[in-house]
Amino acid sequence: MATKLIEQHQSGIKDTDAFREFIMNAPPFDVDKIKAVCSLEESGDYLSDTIYRWFPTQEGGSSLVLINCPEGVDSNDVAETVWAAFGSFLKLPKPKYILSQSHDVKEVILTILTFDERK
């Protein structure tokens, strides 16, 4: 599910109705959010520490991590930190990642979708 969503996102959503139906027919999923509310220079350490200490280990079939960070931040550093933290601490089942940057975002925000493919 997560792989198909990433493929559609990366190639550009051409048929919005089909994409909406695809999402509506997805397996059940839980949504969690993590915000790095700190100075952007410290966001890497903050995210890694938060994932390690406070983010619960998720059950399910697969997961999707949407990383949104402000423009001007080194997005590769943020992505590497998040990828390494989730990978090292084994918090998510089969994680996939999508990174985006926005003028409107003032902190790093992770939105984690955990899909339960057994239902």
PDB file of N, CA and C in Angstrom:
ATOM      1  N   MET A   1       0.829  -1.201   0.000  1.00  0.00           N
ATOM      2  CA  MET A   1       0.000   0.000   0.000  1.00  0.00           C
ATOM      3  C   MET A   1       0.866   1.256   0.000  1.00  0.00           C
ATOM      4  N   ALA A   2       1.828   1.311   0.938  1.00  0.00           N
ATOM      5  CA  ALA A   2       2.697   2.488   1.034  1.00  0.00           C
ATOM      6  C   ALA A   2       3.511   2.668  -0.235  1.00  0.00           C
ATOM      7  N   THR A   3       4.011   1.571  -0.796  1.00  0.00           N
ATOM      8  CA  THR A   3       4.805   1.646  -2.029  1.00  0.00           C
ATOM      9  C   THR A   3       3.987   2.223  -3.175  1.00  0.00           C
ATOM     10  N   LYS A   4       2.752   1.775  -3.312  1.00  0.00           N
ATOM     11  CA  LYS A   4       1.886   2.266  -4.386  1.00  0.00           C
ATOM     12  C   LYS A   4       1.576   3.752  -4.199  1.00  0.00           C
ATOM     13  N   LEU A   5       1.362   4.152  -2.942  1.00  0.00           N
ATOM     14  CA  LEU A   5       1.091   5.558  -2.658  1.00  0.00           C
ATOM     15  C   LEU A   5       2.287   6.427  -3.028  1.00  0.00           C
ATOM     16  N   ILE A   6       3.482   5.976  -2.679  1.00  0.00           N
ATOM     17  CA  ILE A   6       4.697   6.729  -3.013  1.00  0.00           C
ATOM     18  C   ILE A   6       4.872   6.830  -4.521  1.00  0.00           C
ATOM     19  N   GLU A   7       4.640   5.747  -5.243  1.00  0.00           N
ATOM     20  CA  GLU A   7       4.775   5.763  -6.704  1.00  0.00           C
ATOM     21  C   GLU A   7       3.821   6.790  -7.314  1.00  0.00           C
ATOM     22  N   GLN A   8       2.580   6.813  -6.843  1.00  0.00           N
ATOM     23  CA  GLN A   8       1.608   7.770  -7.382  1.00  0.00           C
ATOM     24  C   GLN A   8       1.997   9.198  -7.018  1.00  0.00           C
ATOM     25  N   HIS A   9       2.486   9.396  -5.814  1.00  0.00           N
ATOM     26  CA  HIS A   9       2.898  10.730  -5.366  1.00  0.00           C
ATOM     27  C   HIS A   9       4.074  11.238  -6.191  1.00  0.00           C
ATOM     28  N   GLN A  10       5.079  10.374  -6.420  1.00  0.00           N
ATOM     29  CA  GLN A  10       6.282  10.796  -7.141  1.00  0.00           C
ATOM     30  C   GLN A  10       6.013  11.074  -8.611  1.00  0.00           C
ATOM     31  N   SER A  11       5.124  10.306  -9.215  1.00  0.00           N
ATOM     32  CA  SER A  11       4.870  10.486 -10.642  1.00  0.00           C
ATOM     33  C   SER A  11       3.864  11.603 -10.922  1.00  0.00           C
ATOM     34  N   GLY A  12       3.281  12.150  -9.868  1.00  0.00           N
ATOM     35  CA  GLY A  12       2.278  13.195 -10.049  1.00  0.00           C
ATOM     36  C   GLY A  12       0.901  12.569 -10.164  1.00  0.00           C
ATOM     37  N   ILE A  13      -0.038  13.086  -9.429  1.00  0.00           N
ATOM     38  CA  ILE A  13      -1.387  12.518  -9.410  1.00  0.00           C
ATOM     39  C   ILE A  13      -2.145  13.067 -10.609  1.00  0.00           C
ATOM     40  N   LYS A  14      -2.414  12.201 -11.566  1.00  0.00           N
ATOM     41  CA  LYS A  14      -3.058  12.639 -12.800  1.00  0.00           C
ATOM     42  C   LYS A  14      -4.581  12.500 -12.735  1.00  0.00           C
ATOM     43  N   ASP A  15      -5.060  11.452 -12.075  1.00  0.00           N
ATOM     44  CA  ASP A  15      -6.497  11.219 -11.950  1.00  0.00           C
ATOM     45  C   ASP A  15      -6.862  11.329 -10.469  1.00  0.00           C
ATOM     46  N   THR A  16      -7.295  12.533 -10.054  1.00  0.00           N
ATOM     47  CA  THR A  16      -7.525  12.767  -8.626  1.00  0.00           C
ATOM     48  C   THR A  16      -8.664  11.911  -8.077  1.00  0.00           C
ATOM     49  N   ASP A  17      -9.691  11.641  -8.901  1.00  0.00           N
ATOM     50  CA  ASP A  17     -10.799  10.797  -8.430  1.00  0.00           C
ATOM     51  C   ASP A  17     -10.329   9.380  -8.149  1.00  0.00           C
ATOM     52  N   ALA A  18      -9.500   8.835  -9.045  1.00  0.00           N
ATOM     53  CA  ALA A  18      -8.971   7.480  -8.842  1.00  0.00           C
ATOM     54  C   ALA A  18      -8.057   7.447  -7.619  1.00  0.00           C
ATOM     55  N   PHE A  19      -7.269   8.505  -7.437  1.00  0.00           N
ATOM     56  CA  PHE A  19      -6.372   8.564  -6.286  1.00  0.00           C
ATOM     57  C   PHE A  19      -7.176   8.624  -4.984  1.00  0.00           C
ATOM     58  N   ARG A  20      -8.229   9.434  -4.981  1.00  0.00           N
ATOM     59  CA  ARG A  20      -9.091   9.551  -3.796  1.00  0.00           C
ATOM     60  C   ARG A  20      -9.729   8.202  -3.473  1.00  0.00           C
ATOM     61  N   GLU A  21     -10.197   7.506  -4.500  1.00  0.00           N
ATOM     62  CA  GLU A  21     -10.813   6.190  -4.290  1.00  0.00           C
ATOM     63  C   GLU A  21      -9.773   5.197  -3.764  1.00  0.00           C
ATOM     64  N   PHE A  22      -8.555   5.269  -4.280  1.00  0.00           N
ATOM     65  CA  PHE A  22      -7.468   4.411  -3.821  1.00  0.00           C
ATOM     66  C   PHE A  22      -7.223   4.610  -2.321  1.00  0.00           C
ATOM     67  N   ILE A  23      -7.199   5.872  -1.873  1.00  0.00           N
ATOM     68  CA  ILE A  23      -6.991   6.175  -0.457  1.00  0.00           C
ATOM     69  C   ILE A  23      -8.182   5.680   0.370  1.00  0.00           C
ATOM     70  N   MET A  24      -9.386   5.901  -0.114  1.00  0.00           N
ATOM     71  CA  MET A  24     -10.578   5.511   0.641  1.00  0.00           C
ATOM     72  C   MET A  24     -10.678   3.993   0.797  1.00  0.00           C
ATOM     73  N   ASN A  25     -10.135   3.256  -0.150  1.00  0.00           N
ATOM     74  CA  ASN A  25     -10.186   1.795  -0.095  1.00  0.00           C
ATOM     75  C   ASN A  25      -8.941   1.186   0.545  1.00  0.00           C
ATOM     76  N   ALA A  26      -8.099   2.026   1.107  1.00  0.00           N
ATOM     77  CA  ALA A  26      -6.856   1.540   1.730  1.00  0.00           C
ATOM     78  C   ALA A  26      -7.176   0.714   2.973  1.00  0.00           C
ATOM     79  N   PRO A  27      -6.239  -0.129   3.363  1.00  0.00           N
ATOM     80  CA  PRO A  27      -6.430  -0.835   4.640  1.00  0.00           C
ATOM     81  C   PRO A  27      -6.535   0.185   5.773  1.00  0.00           C
ATOM     82  N   PRO A  28      -7.131  -0.201   6.906  1.00  0.00           N
ATOM     83  CA  PRO A  28      -7.214   0.739   8.038  1.00  0.00           C
ATOM     84  C   PRO A  28      -5.826   1.201   8.451  1.00  0.00           C
ATOM     85  N   PHE A  29      -5.716   2.476   8.863  1.00  0.00           N
ATOM     86  CA  PHE A  29      -4.415   2.960   9.307  1.00  0.00           C
ATOM     87  C   PHE A  29      -4.579   3.926  10.470  1.00  0.00           C
ATOM     88  N   ASP A  30      -3.524   4.003  11.276  1.00  0.00           N
ATOM     89  CA  ASP A  30      -3.457   4.948  12.381  1.00  0.00           C
ATOM     90  C   ASP A  30      -2.539   6.093  11.971  1.00  0.00           C
ATOM     91  N   VAL A  31      -2.809   7.283  12.496  1.00  0.00           N
ATOM     92  CA  VAL A  31      -2.010   8.462  12.176  1.00  0.00           C
ATOM     93  C   VAL A  31      -1.387   9.006  13.451  1.00  0.00           C
ATOM     94  N   ASP A  32      -0.080   9.226  13.417  1.00  0.00           N
ATOM     95  CA  ASP A  32       0.628   9.876  14.514  1.00  0.00           C
ATOM     96  C   ASP A  32       1.388  11.061  13.939  1.00  0.00           C
ATOM     97  N   LYS A  33       1.620  12.071  14.770  1.00  0.00           N
ATOM     98  CA  LYS A  33       2.388  13.242  14.327  1.00  0.00           C
ATOM     99  C   LYS A  33       3.516  13.510  15.314  1.00  0.00           C
ATOM    100  N   ILE A  34       4.649  13.924  14.780  1.00  0.00           N
ATOM    101  CA  ILE A  34       5.767  14.389  15.597  1.00  0.00           C
ATOM    102  C   ILE A  34       6.179  15.746  15.028  1.00  0.00           C
ATOM    103  N   LYS A  35       6.339  16.738  15.892  1.00  0.00           N
ATOM    104  CA  LYS A  35       6.828  18.052  15.454  1.00  0.00           C
ATOM    105  C   LYS A  35       8.151  18.347  16.143  1.00  0.00           C
ATOM    106  N   ALA A  36       9.089  18.853  15.389  1.00  0.00           N
ATOM    107  CA  ALA A  36      10.339  19.325  15.976  1.00  0.00           C
ATOM    108  C   ALA A  36      10.168  20.804  16.279  1.00  0.00           C
ATOM    109  N   VAL A  37       9.621  21.097  17.460  1.00  0.00           N
ATOM    110  CA  VAL A  37       9.393  22.482  17.845  1.00  0.00           C
ATOM    111  C   VAL A  37      10.632  22.936  18.605  1.00  0.00           C
ATOM    112  N   CYS A  38      11.607  23.385  17.880  1.00  0.00           N
ATOM    113  CA  CYS A  38      12.886  23.801  18.441  1.00  0.00           C
ATOM    114  C   CYS A  38      13.605  24.591  17.354  1.00  0.00           C
ATOM    115  N   SER A  39      14.760  25.114  17.677  1.00  0.00           N
ATOM    116  CA  SER A  39      15.510  25.817  16.628  1.00  0.00           C
ATOM    117  C   SER A  39      15.874  24.812  15.546  1.00  0.00           C
ATOM    118  N   LEU A  40      15.840  25.243  14.308  1.00  0.00           N
ATOM    119  CA  LEU A  40      16.032  24.314  13.197  1.00  0.00           C
ATOM    120  C   LEU A  40      17.417  23.679  13.221  1.00  0.00           C
ATOM    121  N   GLU A  41      18.398  24.377  13.803  1.00  0.00           N
ATOM    122  CA  GLU A  41      19.745  23.811  13.875  1.00  0.00           C
ATOM    123  C   GLU A  41      19.767  22.557  14.755  1.00  0.00           C
ATOM    124  N   GLU A  42      18.817  22.463  15.686  1.00  0.00           N
ATOM    125  CA  GLU A  42      18.784  21.345  16.622  1.00  0.00           C
ATOM    126  C   GLU A  42      17.743  20.293  16.233  1.00  0.00           C
ATOM    127  N   SER A  43      17.064  20.475  15.116  1.00  0.00           N
ATOM    128  CA  SER A  43      15.935  19.592  14.793  1.00  0.00           C
ATOM    129  C   SER A  43      16.367  18.141  14.606  1.00  0.00           C
ATOM    130  N   GLY A  44      17.570  17.916  14.065  1.00  0.00           N
ATOM    131  CA  GLY A  44      18.030  16.545  13.873  1.00  0.00           C
ATOM    132  C   GLY A  44      18.159  15.802  15.184  1.00  0.00           C
ATOM    133  N   ASP A  45      18.853  16.417  16.152  1.00  0.00           N
ATOM    134  CA  ASP A  45      19.005  15.793  17.469  1.00  0.00           C
ATOM    135  C   ASP A  45      17.656  15.635  18.149  1.00  0.00           C
ATOM    136  N   TYR A  46      16.813  16.647  18.036  1.00  0.00           N
ATOM    137  CA  TYR A  46      15.500  16.601  18.681  1.00  0.00           C
ATOM    138  C   TYR A  46      14.665  15.451  18.124  1.00  0.00           C
ATOM    139  N   LEU A  47      14.604  15.331  16.800  1.00  0.00           N
ATOM    140  CA  LEU A  47      13.801  14.273  16.181  1.00  0.00           C
ATOM    141  C   LEU A  47      14.326  12.895  16.548  1.00  0.00           C
ATOM    142  N   SER A  48      15.634  12.724  16.485  1.00  0.00           N
ATOM    143  CA  SER A  48      16.213  11.430  16.811  1.00  0.00           C
ATOM    144  C   SER A  48      15.899  11.042  18.253  1.00  0.00           C
ATOM    145  N   ASP A  49      16.041  11.999  19.173  1.00  0.00           N
ATOM    146  CA  ASP A  49      15.772  11.741  20.585  1.00  0.00           C
ATOM    147  C   ASP A  49      14.288  11.445  20.815  1.00  0.00           C
ATOM    148  N   THR A  50      13.417  12.207  20.160  1.00  0.00           N
ATOM    149  CA  THR A  50      11.974  12.005  20.324  1.00  0.00           C
ATOM    150  C   THR A  50      11.549  10.642  19.793  1.00  0.00           C
ATOM    151  N   ILE A  51      12.057  10.272  18.632  1.00  0.00           N
ATOM    152  CA  ILE A  51      11.723   8.963  18.071  1.00  0.00           C
ATOM    153  C   ILE A  51      12.187   7.856  19.017  1.00  0.00           C
ATOM    154  N   TYR A  52      13.373   8.013  19.566  1.00  0.00           N
ATOM    155  CA  TYR A  52      13.919   6.991  20.458  1.00  0.00           C
ATOM    156  C   TYR A  52      13.163   6.913  21.784  1.00  0.00           C
ATOM    157  N   ARG A  53      12.933   8.062  22.412  1.00  0.00           N
ATOM    158  CA  ARG A  53      12.391   8.066  23.773  1.00  0.00           C
ATOM    159  C   ARG A  53      10.879   8.018  23.845  1.00  0.00           C
ATOM    160  N   TRP A  54      10.209   8.722  22.952  1.00  0.00           N
ATOM    161  CA  TRP A  54       8.784   8.965  23.142  1.00  0.00           C
ATOM    162  C   TRP A  54       7.875   8.316  22.119  1.00  0.00           C
ATOM    163  N   PHE A  55       8.386   7.976  20.933  1.00  0.00           N
ATOM    164  CA  PHE A  55       7.497   7.416  19.915  1.00  0.00           C
ATOM    165  C   PHE A  55       7.298   5.931  20.185  1.00  0.00           C
ATOM    166  N   PRO A  56       6.041   5.475  20.298  1.00  0.00           N
ATOM    167  CA  PRO A  56       5.812   4.058  20.622  1.00  0.00           C
ATOM    168  C   PRO A  56       6.137   3.150  19.441  1.00  0.00           C
ATOM    169  N   THR A  57       6.490   1.917  19.729  1.00  0.00           N
ATOM    170  CA  THR A  57       6.696   0.934  18.676  1.00  0.00           C
ATOM    171  C   THR A  57       5.343   0.595  18.068  1.00  0.00           C
ATOM    172  N   GLN A  58       5.238   0.718  16.751  1.00  0.00           N
ATOM    173  CA  GLN A  58       3.964   0.558  16.058  1.00  0.00           C
ATOM    174  C   GLN A  58       3.797  -0.856  15.515  1.00  0.00           C
ATOM    175  N   GLU A  59       2.593  -1.376  15.642  1.00  0.00           N
ATOM    176  CA  GLU A  59       2.248  -2.667  15.053  1.00  0.00           C
ATOM    177  C   GLU A  59       1.560  -2.406  13.720  1.00  0.00           C
ATOM    178  N   GLY A  60       1.514  -3.404  12.856  1.00  0.00           N
ATOM    179  CA  GLY A  60       0.803  -3.261  11.594  1.00  0.00           C
ATOM    180  C   GLY A  60       1.537  -3.951  10.476  1.00  0.00           C
ATOM    181  N   GLY A  61       1.070  -3.718   9.253  1.00  0.00           N
ATOM    182  CA  GLY A  61       1.665  -4.372   8.107  1.00  0.00           C
ATOM    183  C   GLY A  61       2.746  -3.542   7.440  1.00  0.00           C
ATOM    184  N   SER A  62       2.567  -2.221   7.408  1.00  0.00           N
ATOM    185  CA  SER A  62       3.540  -1.328   6.782  1.00  0.00           C
ATOM    186  C   SER A  62       3.296   0.081   7.301  1.00  0.00           C
ATOM    187  N   SER A  63       4.201   0.986   6.986  1.00  0.00           N
ATOM    188  CA  SER A  63       4.032   2.356   7.459  1.00  0.00           C
ATOM    189  C   SER A  63       4.594   3.333   6.435  1.00  0.00           C
ATOM    190  N   LEU A  64       4.093   4.546   6.508  1.00  0.00           N
ATOM    191  CA  LEU A  64       4.507   5.618   5.606  1.00  0.00           C
ATOM    192  C   LEU A  64       4.827   6.842   6.453  1.00  0.00           C
ATOM    193  N   VAL A  65       6.022   7.394   6.286  1.00  0.00           N
ATOM    194  CA  VAL A  65       6.443   8.578   7.036  1.00  0.00           C
ATOM    195  C   VAL A  65       6.505   9.752   6.061  1.00  0.00           C
ATOM    196  N   LEU A  66       5.640  10.734   6.273  1.00  0.00           N
ATOM    197  CA  LEU A  66       5.639  11.951   5.467  1.00  0.00           C
ATOM    198  C   LEU A  66       6.454  12.990   6.221  1.00  0.00           C
ATOM    199  N   ILE A  67       7.562  13.424   5.641  1.00  0.00           N
ATOM    200  CA  ILE A  67       8.458  14.384   6.279  1.00  0.00           C
ATOM    201  C   ILE A  67       8.255  15.732   5.593  1.00  0.00           C
ATOM    202  N   ASN A  68       7.855  16.734   6.365  1.00  0.00           N
ATOM    203  CA  ASN A  68       7.676  18.074   5.807  1.00  0.00           C
ATOM    204  C   ASN A  68       8.561  19.031   6.603  1.00  0.00           C
ATOM    205  N   CYS A  69       9.432  19.745   5.907  1.00  0.00           N
ATOM    206  CA  CYS A  69      10.325  20.672   6.606  1.00  0.00           C
ATOM    207  C   CYS A  69      10.365  22.005   5.862  1.00  0.00           C
ATOM    208  N   PRO A  70      10.773  23.059   6.566  1.00  0.00           N
ATOM    209  CA  PRO A  70      10.816  24.385   5.950  1.00  0.00           C
ATOM    210  C   PRO A  70      11.825  24.444   4.808  1.00  0.00           C
ATOM    211  N   GLU A  71      11.552  25.292   3.842  1.00  0.00           N
ATOM    212  CA  GLU A  71      12.533  25.529   2.794  1.00  0.00           C
ATOM    213  C   GLU A  71      13.725  26.240   3.411  1.00  0.00           C
ATOM    214  N   GLY A  72      14.907  25.927   2.907  1.00  0.00           N
ATOM    215  CA  GLY A  72      16.119  26.512   3.457  1.00  0.00           C
ATOM    216  C   GLY A  72      16.826  25.588   4.431  1.00  0.00           C
ATOM    217  N   VAL A  73      16.111  24.593   4.941  1.00  0.00           N
ATOM    218  CA  VAL A  73      16.718  23.595   5.812  1.00  0.00           C
ATOM    219  C   VAL A  73      17.355  22.529   4.922  1.00  0.00           C
ATOM    220  N   ASP A  74      18.439  21.930   5.389  1.00  0.00           N
ATOM    221  CA  ASP A  74      19.063  20.847   4.633  1.00  0.00           C
ATOM    222  C   ASP A  74      18.176  19.608   4.752  1.00  0.00           C
ATOM    223  N   SER A  75      17.336  19.411   3.759  1.00  0.00           N
ATOM    224  CA  SER A  75      16.359  18.320   3.808  1.00  0.00           C
ATOM    225  C   SER A  75      17.030  16.953   3.823  1.00  0.00           C
ATOM    226  N   ASN A  76      18.211  16.846   3.209  1.00  0.00           N
ATOM    227  CA  ASN A  76      18.919  15.563   3.243  1.00  0.00           C
ATOM    228  C   ASN A  76      19.309  15.188   4.668  1.00  0.00           C
ATOM    229  N   ASP A  77      19.749  16.175   5.452  1.00  0.00           N
ATOM    230  CA  ASP A  77      20.095  15.918   6.854  1.00  0.00           C
ATOM    231  C   ASP A  77      18.874  15.454   7.638  1.00  0.00           C
ATOM    232  N   VAL A  78      17.746  16.136   7.438  1.00  0.00           N
ATOM    233  CA  VAL A  78      16.510  15.776   8.144  1.00  0.00           C
ATOM    234  C   VAL A  78      16.081  14.369   7.758  1.00  0.00           C
ATOM    235  N   ALA A  79      16.049  14.096   6.448  1.00  0.00           N
ATOM    236  CA  ALA A  79      15.624  12.774   5.972  1.00  0.00           C
ATOM    237  C   ALA A  79      16.542  11.680   6.502  1.00  0.00           C
ATOM    238  N   GLU A  80      17.854  11.942   6.464  1.00  0.00           N
ATOM    239  CA  GLU A  80      18.827  10.959   6.957  1.00  0.00           C
ATOM    240  C   GLU A  80      18.635  10.686   8.447  1.00  0.00           C
ATOM    241  N   THR A  81      18.388  11.752   9.213  1.00  0.00           N
ATOM    242  CA  THR A  81      18.166  11.609  10.658  1.00  0.00           C
ATOM    243  C   THR A  81      16.941  10.754  10.939  1.00  0.00           C
ATOM    244  N   VAL A  82      15.827  11.066  10.259  1.00  0.00           N
ATOM    245  CA  VAL A  82      14.577  10.338  10.480  1.00  0.00           C
ATOM    246  C   VAL A  82      14.717   8.884  10.051  1.00  0.00           C
ATOM    247  N   TRP A  83      15.276   8.676   8.874  1.00  0.00           N
ATOM    248  CA  TRP A  83      15.475   7.319   8.353  1.00  0.00           C
ATOM    249  C   TRP A  83      16.352   6.498   9.294  1.00  0.00           C
ATOM    250  N   ALA A  84      17.450   7.098   9.733  1.00  0.00           N
ATOM    251  CA  ALA A  84      18.374   6.388  10.615  1.00  0.00           C
ATOM    252  C   ALA A  84      17.744   6.094  11.972  1.00  0.00           C
ATOM    253  N   ALA A  85      16.998   7.057  12.513  1.00  0.00           N
ATOM    254  CA  ALA A  85      16.380   6.862  13.830  1.00  0.00           C
ATOM    255  C   ALA A  85      15.337   5.750  13.784  1.00  0.00           C
ATOM    256  N   PHE A  86      14.424   5.811  12.829  1.00  0.00           N
ATOM    257  CA  PHE A  86      13.407   4.759  12.748  1.00  0.00           C
ATOM    258  C   PHE A  86      14.052   3.411  12.442  1.00  0.00           C
ATOM    259  N   GLY A  87      15.082   3.407  11.604  1.00  0.00           N
ATOM    260  CA  GLY A  87      15.765   2.158  11.270  1.00  0.00           C
ATOM    261  C   GLY A  87      16.505   1.567  12.456  1.00  0.00           C
ATOM    262  N   SER A  88      17.205   2.404  13.210  1.00  0.00           N
ATOM    263  CA  SER A  88      17.989   1.934  14.349  1.00  0.00           C
ATOM    264  C   SER A  88      17.115   1.450  15.490  1.00  0.00           C
ATOM    265  N   PHE A  89      16.012   2.158  15.724  1.00  0.00           N
ATOM    266  CA  PHE A  89      15.201   1.861  16.907  1.00  0.00           C
ATOM    267  C   PHE A  89      14.044   0.905  16.608  1.00  0.00           C
ATOM    268  N   LEU A  90      13.897   0.495  15.326  1.00  0.00           N
ATOM    269  CA  LEU A  90      12.878  -0.493  14.939  1.00  0.00           C
ATOM    270  C   LEU A  90      11.488  -0.139  15.464  1.00  0.00           C
ATOM    271  N   LYS A  91      11.089   1.116  15.239  1.00  0.00           N
ATOM    272  CA  LYS A  91       9.807   1.595  15.740  1.00  0.00           C
ATOM    273  C   LYS A  91       8.637   1.356  14.780  1.00  0.00           C
ATOM    274  N   LEU A  92       8.952   1.167  13.491  1.00  0.00           N
ATOM    275  CA  LEU A  92       7.885   1.086  12.485  1.00  0.00           C
ATOM    276  C   LEU A  92       7.986  -0.195  11.670  1.00  0.00           C
ATOM    277  N   PRO A  93       6.839  -0.762  11.277  1.00  0.00           N
ATOM    278  CA  PRO A  93       6.855  -1.900  10.372  1.00  0.00           C
ATOM    279  C   PRO A  93       7.046  -1.450   8.925  1.00  0.00           C
ATOM    280  N   LYS A  94       8.027  -2.012   8.241  1.00  0.00           N
ATOM    281  CA  LYS A  94       8.268  -1.764   6.803  1.00  0.00           C
ATOM    282  C   LYS A  94       8.107  -0.287   6.423  1.00  0.00           C
ATOM    283  N   PRO A  95       8.886   0.620   6.981  1.00  0.00           N
ATOM    284  CA  PRO A  95       8.670   2.044   6.700  1.00  0.00           C
ATOM    285  C   PRO A  95       9.077   2.460   5.287  1.00  0.00           C
ATOM    286  N   LYS A  96       8.303   3.382   4.724  1.00  0.00           N
ATOM    287  CA  LYS A  96       8.634   4.086   3.479  1.00  0.00           C
ATOM    288  C   LYS A  96       8.576   5.578   3.798  1.00  0.00           C
ATOM    289  N   TYR A  97       9.276   6.388   3.016  1.00  0.00           N
ATOM    290  CA  TYR A  97       9.411   7.804   3.348  1.00  0.00           C
ATOM    291  C   TYR A  97       9.103   8.692   2.143  1.00  0.00           C
ATOM    292  N   ILE A  98       8.412   9.798   2.404  1.00  0.00           N
ATOM    293  CA  ILE A  98       8.215  10.853   1.397  1.00  0.00           C
ATOM    294  C   ILE A  98       8.629  12.169   2.046  1.00  0.00           C
ATOM    295  N   LEU A  99       9.506  12.912   1.390  1.00  0.00           N
ATOM    296  CA  LEU A  99       9.992  14.190   1.912  1.00  0.00           C
ATOM    297  C   LEU A  99       9.435  15.332   1.078  1.00  0.00           C
ATOM    298  N   SER A 100       8.991  16.395   1.749  1.00  0.00           N
ATOM    299  CA  SER A 100       8.586  17.608   1.037  1.00  0.00           C
ATOM    300  C   SER A 100       9.055  18.817   1.833  1.00  0.00           C
ATOM    301  N   GLN A 101       9.177  19.954   1.145  1.00  0.00           N
ATOM    302  CA  GLN A 101       9.544  21.210   1.796  1.00  0.00           C
ATOM    303  C   GLN A 101       8.499  22.259   1.461  1.00  0.00           C
ATOM    304  N   SER A 102       8.276  23.180   2.394  1.00  0.00           N
ATOM    305  CA  SER A 102       7.225  24.174   2.209  1.00  0.00           C
ATOM    306  C   SER A 102       7.622  25.505   2.845  1.00  0.00           C
ATOM    307  N   HIS A 103       7.179  26.612   2.214  1.00  0.00           N
ATOM    308  CA  HIS A 103       7.361  27.950   2.789  1.00  0.00           C
ATOM    309  C   HIS A 103       6.530  28.105   4.057  1.00  0.00           C
ATOM    310  N   ASP A 104       5.378  27.420   4.111  1.00  0.00           N
ATOM    311  CA  ASP A 104       4.412  27.627   5.176  1.00  0.00           C
ATOM    312  C   ASP A 104       4.772  26.920   6.476  1.00  0.00           C
ATOM    313  N   VAL A 105       5.700  25.978   6.419  1.00  0.00           N
ATOM    314  CA  VAL A 105       6.036  25.178   7.588  1.00  0.00           C
ATOM    315  C   VAL A 105       7.202  25.835   8.335  1.00  0.00           C
ATOM    316  N   LYS A 106       7.066  25.950   9.658  1.00  0.00           N
ATOM    317  CA  LYS A 106       8.100  26.612  10.465  1.00  0.00           C
ATOM    318  C   LYS A 106       8.915  25.623  11.290  1.00  0.00           C
ATOM    319  N   GLU A 107       8.471  24.361  11.359  1.00  0.00           N
ATOM    320  CA  GLU A 107       9.219  23.331  12.056  1.00  0.00           C
ATOM    321  C   GLU A 107       9.172  22.054  11.232  1.00  0.00           C
ATOM    322  N   VAL A 108       9.953  21.088  11.611  1.00  0.00           N
ATOM    323  CA  VAL A 108       9.913  19.792  10.930  1.00  0.00           C
ATOM    324  C   VAL A 108       8.713  19.019  11.468  1.00  0.00           C
ATOM    325  N   ILE A 109       7.883  18.512  10.567  1.00  0.00           N
ATOM    326  CA  ILE A 109       6.697  17.752  10.962  1.00  0.00           C
ATOM    327  C   ILE A 109       6.756  16.374  10.313  1.00  0.00           C
ATOM    328  N   LEU A 110       6.608  15.354  11.128  1.00  0.00           N
ATOM    329  CA  LEU A 110       6.497  13.988  10.625  1.00  0.00           C
ATOM    330  C   LEU A 110       5.064  13.532  10.815  1.00  0.00           C
ATOM    331  N   THR A 111       4.460  13.039   9.751  1.00  0.00           N
ATOM    332  CA  THR A 111       3.152  12.405   9.844  1.00  0.00           C
ATOM    333  C   THR A 111       3.353  10.930   9.518  1.00  0.00           C
ATOM    334  N   ILE A 112       3.015  10.086  10.474  1.00  0.00           N
ATOM    335  CA  ILE A 112       3.276   8.651  10.323  1.00  0.00           C
ATOM    336  C   ILE A 112       1.955   7.909  10.157  1.00  0.00           C
ATOM    337  N   LEU A 113       1.812   7.233   9.036  1.00  0.00           N
ATOM    338  CA  LEU A 113       0.641   6.389   8.783  1.00  0.00           C
ATOM    339  C   LEU A 113       1.055   4.939   8.960  1.00  0.00           C
ATOM    340  N   THR A 114       0.384   4.219   9.828  1.00  0.00           N
ATOM    341  CA  THR A 114       0.688   2.818  10.060  1.00  0.00           C
ATOM    342  C   THR A 114      -0.497   1.978   9.573  1.00  0.00           C
ATOM    343  N   PHE A 115      -0.275   1.200   8.537  1.00  0.00           N
ATOM    344  CA  PHE A 115      -1.345   0.432   7.901  1.00  0.00           C
ATOM    345  C   PHE A 115      -1.455  -0.951   8.530  1.00  0.00           C
ATOM    346  N   ASP A 116      -2.677  -1.368   8.783  1.00  0.00           N
ATOM    347  CA  ASP A 116      -2.925  -2.708   9.280  1.00  0.00           C
ATOM    348  C   ASP A 116      -3.482  -3.527   8.126  1.00  0.00           C
ATOM    349  N   GLU A 117      -2.636  -4.278   7.473  1.00  0.00           N
ATOM    350  CA  GLU A 117      -3.033  -5.013   6.261  1.00  0.00           C
ATOM    351  C   GLU A 117      -3.632  -6.382   6.587  1.00  0.00           C
ATOM    352  N   ARG A 118      -3.760  -6.694   7.879  1.00  0.00           N
ATOM    353  CA  ARG A 118      -4.327  -7.992   8.265  1.00  0.00           C
ATOM    354  C   ARG A 118      -5.841  -7.942   8.347  1.00  0.00           C
ATOM    355  N   LYS A 119      -6.447  -6.744   8.323  1.00  0.00           N
ATOM    356  CA  LYS A 119      -7.903  -6.624   8.458  1.00  0.00           C
ATOM    357  C   LYS A 119      -8.567  -6.704   7.107  1.00  0.00           C
TER     358      LYS A 119
END
